[in-house]
Amino acid sequence: MKKIIKTLAFACIVVAMATACSSGNNTIENTENPNPEPTVQKWDTLVALQDCKQQMSAQLFEGQNDELLAQILPDGFAEASINAFLLKGEKNIVLFDAGLGESRNGQILAKLDSLGIQPEQITDICITHFHTDHIGGLIASDGSATFTKAKLHFSEEEYEAWTTGQLKDQNETVMTMLDAYKDRYEIFHAGDTIVDGIVTIAAPGHTPGHTLYDIGDAIVVGDLLHAVALQVEHPEFSAKYDFEPEQAEQTRTAMLEIARTTHKPLAGMHFPEPYIIKL
């Protein structure tokens, strides 16, 4: 626990959104149909592009403290979203994750178009982890790259977990992505500084190489939280999607402590409106 806090604290000191909705593998239960007019919302340098609303079922957290769970989520769900984030710098246009893709009702391209941004203008894509609701939008229906000039950035731990490690039997989408971007991806070590001074932060638990990104005035936290209404005050609850629930709890607890200490806003891929929160 102390090691995780130390690592996150160091990264913070050294230093949006489009989504899609489907019932494919590694997706979230109780996803509603995409909004007819998904919102675009700005927070300092980040742009959050909400593509669809969700309701995270309380069943995802059952068996941990069901009495408390029922008190906090009496309706049996927490409001949520599937999100990506956009960072427009002086030289680069950076996307954080890419949603599920148009073939799964994703509207990221339409959302980018509403901002006057075409796919070929995206220079870099920082991937938090390899679940389909985060990388599906990288791949066109014919298996080619959606973003024809973008370089992908992801952690060595995540890459190894899905190509040679424990998740290699679930990696069809991952392998399609790697093939589509075979000449255009960069593997980093957690803690590295990458494009535009973005600092990478190891956040294992949800997946082995789950990564957060500190952009300076905010932190993109991926799937650190699945149900904000529950987990901000009770980080001990881990969703069934977490690969290592106990490790996910440790990471979540440490990161929330860092956020409260540094007062940095958190941008989450499953946060409901306003998508970026300050504790």
Protein backbone atom coordinates (compact mmCIF):
# COMPACT_ATOMS: atom_id res chain seq x y z
CA MET A 1 0.00 0.00 0.00
CA LYS A 2 2.76 2.46 0.97
CA LYS A 3 4.63 1.58 -2.21
CA ILE A 4 1.59 2.38 -4.34
CA ILE A 5 1.03 5.70 -2.56
CA LYS A 6 4.71 6.59 -2.95
CA THR A 7 4.65 5.80 -6.67
CA LEU A 8 1.47 7.79 -7.29
CA ALA A 9 2.66 10.70 -5.18
CA PHE A 10 5.94 10.90 -7.06
CA ALA A 11 4.17 10.90 -10.41
CA CYS A 12 1.85 13.68 -9.27
CA ILE A 13 4.69 15.82 -7.98
CA VAL A 14 6.73 15.40 -11.18
CA VAL A 15 4.14 16.56 -12.85
CA ALA A 16 -11.24 13.96 -23.78
CA MET A 17 -14.40 12.09 -24.24
CA ALA A 18 -16.04 9.84 -26.71
CA THR A 19 -17.80 6.58 -26.04
CA ALA A 20 -19.72 3.74 -27.51
CA CYS A 21 -22.31 1.37 -26.15
CA SER A 22 -22.68 -2.31 -26.84
CA SER A 23 -23.02 -5.67 -25.18
CA GLY A 24 -19.70 -7.01 -26.52
CA ASN A 25 -16.93 -8.62 -24.49
CA ASN A 26 -15.49 -6.60 -21.60
CA THR A 27 -18.33 -4.08 -21.73
CA ILE A 28 -20.50 -2.74 -18.92
CA GLU A 29 -23.91 -4.04 -17.94
CA ASN A 30 -27.07 -1.94 -18.08
CA THR A 31 -25.82 0.31 -20.86
CA GLU A 32 -28.54 2.54 -22.25
CA ASN A 33 -28.86 3.51 -25.89
CA PRO A 34 -26.49 6.29 -26.98
CA ASN A 35 -27.77 9.80 -26.31
CA PRO A 36 -29.19 11.46 -29.42
CA GLU A 37 -27.08 14.53 -28.59
CA PRO A 38 -24.06 13.48 -26.50
CA THR A 39 -22.50 16.39 -24.69
CA VAL A 40 -19.09 17.98 -25.04
CA GLN A 41 -17.72 19.48 -21.87
CA LYS A 42 -14.43 21.29 -21.18
CA TRP A 43 -12.30 21.44 -18.05
CA ASP A 44 -9.18 23.56 -18.47
CA THR A 45 -7.14 21.77 -21.15
CA LEU A 46 -9.22 18.57 -21.23
CA VAL A 47 -12.32 18.06 -23.33
CA ALA A 48 -14.71 15.35 -22.16
CA LEU A 49 -16.80 13.76 -24.90
CA GLN A 50 -19.73 11.81 -23.51
CA ASP A 51 -21.07 9.30 -25.97
CA CYS A 52 -23.58 7.44 -23.85
CA LYS A 53 -25.00 7.13 -20.38
CA GLN A 54 -24.86 3.99 -18.29
CA GLN A 55 -26.23 2.58 -15.12
CA MET A 56 -23.74 0.46 -13.22
CA SER A 57 -25.66 -2.33 -11.56
CA ALA A 58 -25.19 -2.80 -7.82
CA GLN A 59 -24.77 -6.50 -8.64
CA LEU A 60 -21.25 -5.67 -9.83
CA PHE A 61 -20.31 -5.03 -6.19
CA GLU A 62 -22.29 -7.71 -4.37
CA GLY A 63 -20.70 -9.98 -1.80
CA GLN A 64 -18.46 -7.35 -0.22
CA ASN A 65 -20.81 -5.47 2.13
CA ASP A 66 -24.33 -5.92 0.80
CA GLU A 67 -26.03 -4.02 3.63
CA LEU A 68 -23.93 -0.90 3.03
CA LEU A 69 -24.26 -1.36 -0.73
CA ALA A 70 -28.06 -1.31 -0.46
CA GLN A 71 -27.92 1.86 1.64
CA ILE A 72 -25.73 3.72 -0.85
CA LEU A 73 -27.41 2.42 -4.02
CA PRO A 74 -31.02 1.87 -2.93
CA ASP A 75 -32.25 1.88 -6.54
CA GLY A 76 -29.84 -0.89 -7.43
CA PHE A 77 -27.59 1.12 -9.73
CA ALA A 78 -25.19 4.05 -9.99
CA GLU A 79 -25.25 6.58 -12.81
CA ALA A 80 -22.22 6.26 -15.08
CA SER A 81 -20.88 6.76 -18.61
CA ILE A 82 -18.35 5.42 -21.08
CA ASN A 83 -15.92 8.24 -21.79
CA ALA A 84 -12.79 9.27 -23.64
CA PHE A 85 -10.92 12.56 -23.28
CA LEU A 86 -9.25 14.95 -25.69
CA LEU A 87 -6.20 17.12 -25.03
CA LYS A 88 -5.34 19.70 -27.66
CA GLY A 89 -1.80 21.03 -27.33
CA GLU A 90 0.28 23.41 -29.38
CA LYS A 91 1.67 20.64 -31.61
CA ASN A 92 -0.26 17.49 -30.71
CA ILE A 93 -3.86 16.43 -30.44
CA VAL A 94 -4.04 13.62 -27.89
CA LEU A 95 -6.91 11.22 -27.30
CA PHE A 96 -7.21 9.18 -24.12
CA ASP A 97 -8.88 5.87 -25.03
CA ALA A 98 -11.26 5.54 -27.96
CA GLY A 99 -14.52 3.94 -26.87
CA LEU A 100 -16.07 0.89 -28.50
CA GLY A 101 -16.22 2.07 -32.11
CA GLU A 102 -18.92 2.81 -34.65
CA SER A 103 -19.75 -0.85 -35.21
CA ARG A 104 -20.87 -0.98 -31.57
CA ASN A 105 -22.87 2.27 -31.74
CA GLY A 106 -19.86 4.41 -30.91
CA GLN A 107 -20.03 8.05 -31.91
CA ILE A 108 -16.48 9.18 -31.31
CA LEU A 109 -15.86 10.19 -34.93
CA ALA A 110 -19.05 12.22 -35.06
CA LYS A 111 -18.13 13.82 -31.76
CA LEU A 112 -14.67 14.74 -32.97
CA ASP A 113 -16.20 16.11 -36.17
CA SER A 114 -18.45 18.35 -34.09
CA LEU A 115 -15.25 19.85 -32.66
CA GLY A 116 -13.77 20.31 -36.14
CA ILE A 117 -11.30 17.46 -35.66
CA GLN A 118 -10.84 14.70 -38.23
CA PRO A 119 -9.36 11.26 -37.38
CA GLU A 120 -6.15 11.95 -39.28
CA GLN A 121 -5.50 15.00 -37.08
CA ILE A 122 -5.16 12.92 -33.92
CA THR A 123 -1.42 12.58 -33.32
CA ASP A 124 -1.34 10.40 -30.20
CA ILE A 125 -3.66 8.06 -28.31
CA CYS A 126 -2.90 7.20 -24.69
CA ILE A 127 -4.53 3.91 -23.73
CA THR A 128 -5.44 3.23 -20.11
CA HIS A 129 -5.95 -0.51 -20.70
CA PHE A 130 -7.01 -3.02 -23.34
CA HIS A 131 -10.69 -3.69 -22.60
CA THR A 132 -12.89 -3.40 -25.67
CA ASP A 133 -14.80 -0.34 -24.45
CA HIS A 134 -11.47 1.51 -24.49
CA ILE A 135 -9.78 0.26 -27.67
CA GLY A 136 -12.66 -0.80 -29.94
CA GLY A 137 -12.84 2.68 -31.46
CA LEU A 138 -9.27 2.36 -32.70
CA ILE A 139 -10.32 -0.20 -35.30
CA ALA A 140 -12.56 0.28 -38.35
CA SER A 141 -15.06 -2.40 -39.37
CA ASP A 142 -12.56 -3.81 -41.90
CA GLY A 143 -9.85 -4.16 -39.24
CA SER A 144 -7.85 -1.15 -40.37
CA ALA A 145 -6.75 1.75 -38.17
CA THR A 146 -9.40 4.40 -37.52
CA PHE A 147 -6.76 7.01 -36.76
CA THR A 148 -4.40 6.79 -39.69
CA LYS A 149 -1.61 9.02 -38.37
CA ALA A 150 -1.84 8.53 -34.61
CA LYS A 151 0.76 6.80 -32.45
CA LEU A 152 -0.58 4.56 -29.68
CA HIS A 153 0.93 4.67 -26.20
CA PHE A 154 0.41 1.89 -23.64
CA SER A 155 2.28 0.22 -20.80
CA GLU A 156 4.64 -2.71 -21.10
CA GLU A 157 2.73 -4.52 -18.34
CA GLU A 158 -0.55 -4.25 -20.24
CA TYR A 159 1.03 -5.34 -23.50
CA GLU A 160 2.64 -8.40 -21.93
CA ALA A 161 -0.52 -9.40 -20.02
CA TRP A 162 -2.58 -9.55 -23.22
CA THR A 163 0.02 -10.97 -25.60
CA THR A 164 1.94 -13.54 -23.54
CA GLY A 165 0.43 -13.39 -20.06
CA GLN A 166 -2.75 -14.28 -18.22
CA LEU A 167 -5.11 -12.50 -20.62
CA LYS A 168 -3.69 -13.82 -23.90
CA ASP A 169 -6.76 -16.02 -24.49
CA GLN A 170 -9.05 -12.95 -24.51
CA ASN A 171 -7.03 -10.81 -26.90
CA GLU A 172 -8.72 -10.95 -30.31
CA THR A 173 -9.45 -7.20 -30.33
CA VAL A 174 -6.01 -6.47 -28.90
CA MET A 175 -4.25 -8.39 -31.67
CA THR A 176 -6.35 -6.67 -34.33
CA MET A 177 -5.37 -3.32 -32.83
CA LEU A 178 -1.68 -4.19 -32.71
CA ASP A 179 -1.76 -5.34 -36.32
CA ALA A 180 -3.57 -2.19 -37.48
CA TYR A 181 -1.03 0.05 -35.71
CA LYS A 182 2.00 -2.24 -36.05
CA ASP A 183 4.34 0.56 -37.11
CA ARG A 184 2.79 3.18 -34.85
CA TYR A 185 2.80 2.24 -31.19
CA GLU A 186 5.08 3.00 -28.27
CA ILE A 187 5.40 0.81 -25.18
CA PHE A 188 6.35 2.70 -22.02
CA HIS A 189 7.27 1.82 -18.46
CA ALA A 190 4.99 3.24 -15.77
CA GLY A 191 6.47 6.48 -14.52
CA ASP A 192 7.77 7.50 -17.95
CA THR A 193 7.03 10.94 -19.32
CA ILE A 194 5.60 10.71 -22.83
CA VAL A 195 4.08 13.07 -25.40
CA ASP A 196 3.62 16.71 -24.33
CA GLY A 197 5.00 16.03 -20.86
CA ILE A 198 2.25 13.60 -19.89
CA VAL A 199 3.36 11.48 -16.93
CA THR A 200 2.27 7.83 -16.82
CA ILE A 201 1.17 6.32 -13.50
CA ALA A 202 0.96 2.59 -12.78
CA ALA A 203 -2.51 1.71 -11.46
CA PRO A 204 -2.74 -2.10 -11.48
CA GLY A 205 -5.72 -4.08 -10.33
CA HIS A 206 -8.41 -3.45 -12.90
CA THR A 207 -5.99 -4.96 -15.40
CA PRO A 208 -2.31 -5.81 -14.86
CA GLY A 209 -1.06 -2.77 -16.76
CA HIS A 210 -3.88 -0.31 -16.11
CA THR A 211 -2.39 3.18 -16.43
CA LEU A 212 -3.36 6.69 -15.34
CA TYR A 213 -2.13 9.85 -17.06
CA ASP A 214 -1.17 13.05 -15.27
CA ILE A 215 -1.49 15.94 -17.72
CA GLY A 216 -0.49 18.55 -15.15
CA ASP A 217 -3.79 20.17 -14.24
CA ALA A 218 -5.81 16.93 -14.12
CA ILE A 219 -5.35 13.16 -14.04
CA VAL A 220 -7.05 10.80 -16.47
CA VAL A 221 -7.88 7.80 -14.29
CA GLY A 222 -9.35 5.24 -16.69
CA ASP A 223 -11.35 2.60 -14.82
CA LEU A 224 -10.11 3.48 -11.35
CA LEU A 225 -13.78 3.95 -10.42
CA HIS A 226 -16.77 2.26 -12.00
CA ALA A 227 -19.43 3.76 -9.72
CA VAL A 228 -18.56 7.25 -8.47
CA ALA A 229 -21.56 7.41 -6.14
CA LEU A 230 -20.25 4.35 -4.30
CA GLN A 231 -16.49 4.16 -4.64
CA VAL A 232 -15.36 7.73 -3.92
CA GLU A 233 -16.35 7.34 -0.28
CA HIS A 234 -16.01 3.56 -0.18
CA PRO A 235 -13.02 2.57 -2.32
CA GLU A 236 -13.05 -0.85 -0.65
CA PHE A 237 -15.75 -1.88 -3.14
CA SER A 238 -14.27 -3.41 -6.28
CA ALA A 239 -16.33 -4.16 -9.38
CA LYS A 240 -16.47 -7.66 -10.80
CA TYR A 241 -14.58 -6.34 -13.82
CA ASP A 242 -11.42 -5.84 -11.76
CA PHE A 243 -8.81 -8.48 -12.58
CA GLU A 244 -7.25 -8.34 -9.08
CA PRO A 245 -9.91 -6.85 -6.74
CA GLU A 246 -7.65 -6.44 -3.71
CA GLN A 247 -4.95 -4.73 -5.74
CA ALA A 248 -7.58 -2.54 -7.42
CA GLU A 249 -8.80 -1.47 -3.96
CA GLN A 250 -5.26 -0.54 -2.87
CA THR A 251 -4.66 1.45 -6.05
CA ARG A 252 -8.03 3.21 -5.80
CA THR A 253 -7.56 4.12 -2.12
CA ALA A 254 -4.07 5.47 -2.77
CA MET A 255 -5.13 7.51 -5.81
CA LEU A 256 -8.10 9.06 -4.05
CA GLU A 257 -5.79 10.08 -1.22
CA ILE A 258 -3.42 11.69 -3.74
CA ALA A 259 -6.32 13.52 -5.42
CA ARG A 260 -7.52 14.96 -2.12
CA THR A 261 -3.99 16.03 -1.19
CA THR A 262 -3.01 17.59 -4.52
CA HIS A 263 -6.53 18.88 -5.35
CA LYS A 264 -6.09 17.64 -8.90
CA PRO A 265 -9.32 16.90 -10.79
CA LEU A 266 -9.90 13.31 -11.90
CA ALA A 267 -11.22 12.44 -15.35
CA GLY A 268 -12.76 8.98 -15.43
CA MET A 269 -13.84 6.78 -18.31
CA HIS A 270 -16.99 5.77 -16.41
CA PHE A 271 -17.75 9.00 -14.56
CA PRO A 272 -21.26 10.42 -15.05
CA GLU A 273 -21.73 14.09 -15.85
CA PRO A 274 -19.70 16.30 -15.37
CA TYR A 275 -17.18 13.49 -16.19
CA ILE A 276 -14.32 15.26 -14.39
CA ILE A 277 -14.52 15.65 -10.64
CA LYS A 278 -12.52 17.40 -7.93
CA LEU A 279 -12.52 15.87 -4.47
